[in-house]
Amino acid sequence: KKINELIDKIAKVREDRKLGSDEDEWVEELVSLVDEAESLGSIDAVAIRGELHLLGEGLPQNLTLAFQYLKKAADKGNPHAQMNLGFMYGKGFHKNGLSDRDDAQSLLNYYFAALGGAEEAQMVLGYRHLYGYGVPKSCNAAIKFYSSVAQKVVAYHSEKAISKPVELVRLSDE
């Protein structure tokens, strides 16, 4: 329970950062929360630390450390770490910085991430299947991945009561 609270706080700090809070303040709080969650054994915190190193968000960008943290979390089944590893393999960021792309490992990680519910991976695979990029071109497969994300968006908006659709009504010309 404590770990889940910390992960929720980390998400809030990262969201607040996007809204323009003070740089030094959020970095210190973010790193402190990640350290605490990681010390309690949170694989999610390991994945977040890897993502922070990958993006250079709050921590110095370090692709080697990013890969190590993400690999550790992905091996434990964290879908967001698997999604980020898919990106790293696909761009060639997986061996001490830049190296050759590994599309097979990239796809494998994207598929595991998608099965684990990572929306980003589902979007990537929907796109790849739609256009046949490294996978067989298949509208049915693309629809499967895109539909999964769309259902989550609809559920989120329904739950939060965010901007209900407005039915357009044509007014009489009279």
Protein backbone atom coordinates (compact mmCIF):
# COMPACT_ATOMS: atom_id res chain seq x y z
CA LYS A 1 0.00 0.00 0.00
CA LYS A 2 2.83 2.40 0.89
CA ILE A 3 4.50 1.69 -2.47
CA ASN A 4 1.28 2.48 -4.37
CA GLU A 5 0.97 5.78 -2.52
CA LEU A 6 4.55 6.67 -3.42
CA ILE A 7 4.01 5.76 -7.09
CA ASP A 8 0.88 7.96 -7.13
CA LYS A 9 2.88 10.83 -5.62
CA ILE A 10 5.60 10.36 -8.24
CA ALA A 11 2.99 10.58 -11.01
CA LYS A 12 1.58 13.75 -9.44
CA VAL A 13 5.01 15.40 -9.16
CA ARG A 14 5.74 14.56 -12.80
CA GLU A 15 2.36 15.97 -13.86
CA ASP A 16 2.86 19.13 -11.78
CA ARG A 17 6.24 19.61 -13.48
CA LYS A 18 4.48 19.75 -16.82
CA LEU A 19 2.30 22.50 -15.39
CA GLY A 20 5.39 24.62 -14.69
CA SER A 21 6.39 24.19 -11.05
CA ASP A 22 9.84 25.26 -9.81
CA GLU A 23 12.61 23.07 -11.36
CA ASP A 24 14.77 22.50 -8.27
CA GLU A 25 11.78 21.80 -6.06
CA TRP A 26 10.22 19.08 -8.18
CA VAL A 27 13.53 17.37 -9.03
CA GLU A 28 14.44 16.96 -5.38
CA GLU A 29 10.98 15.69 -4.47
CA LEU A 30 10.84 13.34 -7.46
CA VAL A 31 14.21 11.73 -6.82
CA SER A 32 13.42 11.39 -3.11
CA LEU A 33 10.12 9.64 -3.83
CA VAL A 34 11.70 7.30 -6.40
CA ASP A 35 14.51 6.45 -3.94
CA GLU A 36 12.01 5.67 -1.19
CA ALA A 37 9.77 3.52 -3.41
CA GLU A 38 12.78 1.70 -4.81
CA SER A 39 14.13 1.02 -1.30
CA LEU A 40 10.79 -0.66 -0.51
CA GLY A 41 11.27 -2.99 -3.49
CA SER A 42 9.04 -1.29 -6.04
CA ILE A 43 9.69 -2.52 -9.58
CA ASP A 44 7.57 0.42 -10.80
CA ALA A 45 10.10 2.79 -9.18
CA VAL A 46 12.95 0.98 -10.96
CA ALA A 47 11.09 1.47 -14.26
CA ILE A 48 10.47 5.14 -13.47
CA ARG A 49 14.15 5.70 -12.65
CA GLY A 50 15.05 4.12 -15.99
CA GLU A 51 12.59 6.36 -17.79
CA LEU A 52 13.94 9.44 -16.01
CA HIS A 53 17.46 8.56 -17.20
CA LEU A 54 16.15 7.84 -20.70
CA LEU A 55 14.40 11.20 -20.96
CA GLY A 56 16.79 13.24 -18.84
CA GLU A 57 13.84 14.23 -16.69
CA GLY A 58 15.07 15.17 -13.23
CA LEU A 59 18.19 13.02 -13.65
CA PRO A 60 21.00 13.38 -16.17
CA GLN A 61 20.23 11.61 -19.44
CA ASN A 62 22.21 8.39 -19.38
CA LEU A 63 21.20 5.72 -21.90
CA THR A 64 23.37 3.04 -20.31
CA LEU A 65 21.77 3.50 -16.88
CA ALA A 66 18.35 3.85 -18.47
CA PHE A 67 18.78 0.52 -20.22
CA GLN A 68 19.99 -1.21 -17.05
CA TYR A 69 17.07 0.01 -14.93
CA LEU A 70 14.49 -0.62 -17.63
CA LYS A 71 15.84 -4.11 -18.33
CA LYS A 72 15.67 -4.98 -14.63
CA ALA A 73 12.06 -3.81 -14.40
CA ALA A 74 11.07 -5.38 -17.73
CA ASP A 75 12.49 -8.73 -16.67
CA LYS A 76 10.12 -8.55 -13.68
CA GLY A 77 7.18 -7.90 -16.03
CA ASN A 78 6.72 -4.14 -15.84
CA PRO A 79 4.87 -3.21 -19.06
CA HIS A 80 6.05 0.42 -19.13
CA ALA A 81 9.67 -0.69 -18.83
CA GLN A 82 9.04 -3.19 -21.64
CA MET A 83 7.57 -0.42 -23.78
CA ASN A 84 10.59 1.83 -23.18
CA LEU A 85 12.95 -1.06 -23.93
CA GLY A 86 11.08 -1.59 -27.19
CA PHE A 87 11.83 2.02 -28.03
CA MET A 88 15.49 1.72 -27.03
CA TYR A 89 16.04 -1.46 -29.07
CA GLY A 90 14.24 0.08 -32.03
CA LYS A 91 16.44 3.17 -31.96
CA GLY A 92 19.69 1.35 -31.19
CA PHE A 93 20.08 2.77 -27.67
CA HIS A 94 20.64 -0.57 -25.99
CA LYS A 95 24.42 -1.11 -25.85
CA ASN A 96 26.29 1.64 -24.02
CA GLY A 97 24.70 4.38 -26.06
CA LEU A 98 24.18 4.00 -29.79
CA SER A 99 24.45 0.68 -31.58
CA ASP A 100 22.63 -1.21 -34.30
CA ARG A 101 18.87 -1.35 -34.07
CA ASP A 102 17.38 -4.64 -32.95
CA ASP A 103 13.90 -4.73 -34.45
CA ALA A 104 13.18 -8.25 -33.21
CA GLN A 105 13.87 -7.30 -29.58
CA SER A 106 11.99 -4.06 -30.10
CA LEU A 107 8.87 -5.83 -31.32
CA LEU A 108 9.09 -8.51 -28.64
CA ASN A 109 9.18 -5.86 -25.92
CA TYR A 110 6.35 -3.89 -27.52
CA TYR A 111 4.19 -7.04 -27.67
CA PHE A 112 4.82 -7.92 -24.02
CA ALA A 113 4.16 -4.32 -23.01
CA ALA A 114 0.92 -4.27 -25.00
CA LEU A 115 -0.21 -7.52 -23.40
CA GLY A 116 0.58 -5.94 -20.03
CA GLY A 117 -1.67 -2.99 -20.83
CA ALA A 118 0.83 -0.26 -21.79
CA GLU A 119 -1.22 2.06 -24.00
CA GLU A 120 1.84 3.50 -25.71
CA ALA A 121 2.91 0.03 -26.86
CA GLN A 122 -0.61 -0.71 -28.08
CA MET A 123 -0.52 2.49 -30.13
CA VAL A 124 2.90 1.60 -31.57
CA LEU A 125 1.72 -1.87 -32.56
CA GLY A 126 -1.52 -0.52 -34.00
CA TYR A 127 0.51 1.83 -36.20
CA ARG A 128 2.99 -0.86 -37.21
CA HIS A 129 0.22 -3.27 -38.19
CA LEU A 130 -1.73 -0.59 -40.02
CA TYR A 131 1.23 0.22 -42.27
CA GLY A 132 3.10 -3.10 -42.18
CA TYR A 133 6.17 -1.63 -40.50
CA GLY A 134 8.22 -4.68 -39.42
CA VAL A 135 5.07 -6.79 -39.04
CA PRO A 136 2.50 -8.18 -41.48
CA LYS A 137 0.18 -5.43 -42.68
CA SER A 138 -3.17 -6.14 -41.05
CA CYS A 139 -6.04 -3.75 -40.47
CA ASN A 140 -7.66 -6.29 -38.13
CA ALA A 141 -4.56 -6.41 -35.91
CA ALA A 142 -4.32 -2.60 -35.99
CA ILE A 143 -7.98 -2.30 -34.96
CA LYS A 144 -7.40 -4.73 -32.09
CA PHE A 145 -4.60 -2.59 -30.64
CA TYR A 146 -6.24 0.78 -31.34
CA SER A 147 -9.60 -0.42 -29.93
CA SER A 148 -7.98 -1.41 -26.67
CA VAL A 149 -6.59 2.11 -26.23
CA ALA A 150 -9.87 3.72 -27.31
CA GLN A 151 -11.80 1.71 -24.72
CA LYS A 152 -9.43 2.91 -21.99
CA VAL A 153 -9.84 6.54 -23.11
CA VAL A 154 -13.63 6.24 -23.09
CA ALA A 155 -13.56 4.60 -19.64
CA TYR A 156 -11.26 7.31 -18.28
CA HIS A 157 -13.43 10.12 -19.62
CA SER A 158 -16.61 8.45 -18.37
CA GLU A 159 -15.12 7.93 -14.92
CA LYS A 160 -13.85 11.50 -14.64
CA ALA A 161 -16.95 12.98 -16.30
CA ILE A 162 -14.73 14.88 -18.68
CA SER A 163 -16.30 16.62 -21.65
CA LYS A 164 -19.29 14.50 -22.49
CA PRO A 165 -19.98 14.39 -26.21
CA VAL A 166 -22.34 17.09 -27.39
CA GLU A 167 -24.93 16.07 -29.91
CA LEU A 168 -25.09 18.51 -32.78
CA VAL A 169 -28.59 19.72 -33.49
CA ARG A 170 -29.43 21.54 -36.67
CA LEU A 171 -31.45 24.65 -36.03
CA SER A 172 -34.23 25.51 -38.34
CA ASP A 173 -33.42 28.02 -41.08
CA GLU A 174 -36.62 29.89 -40.23
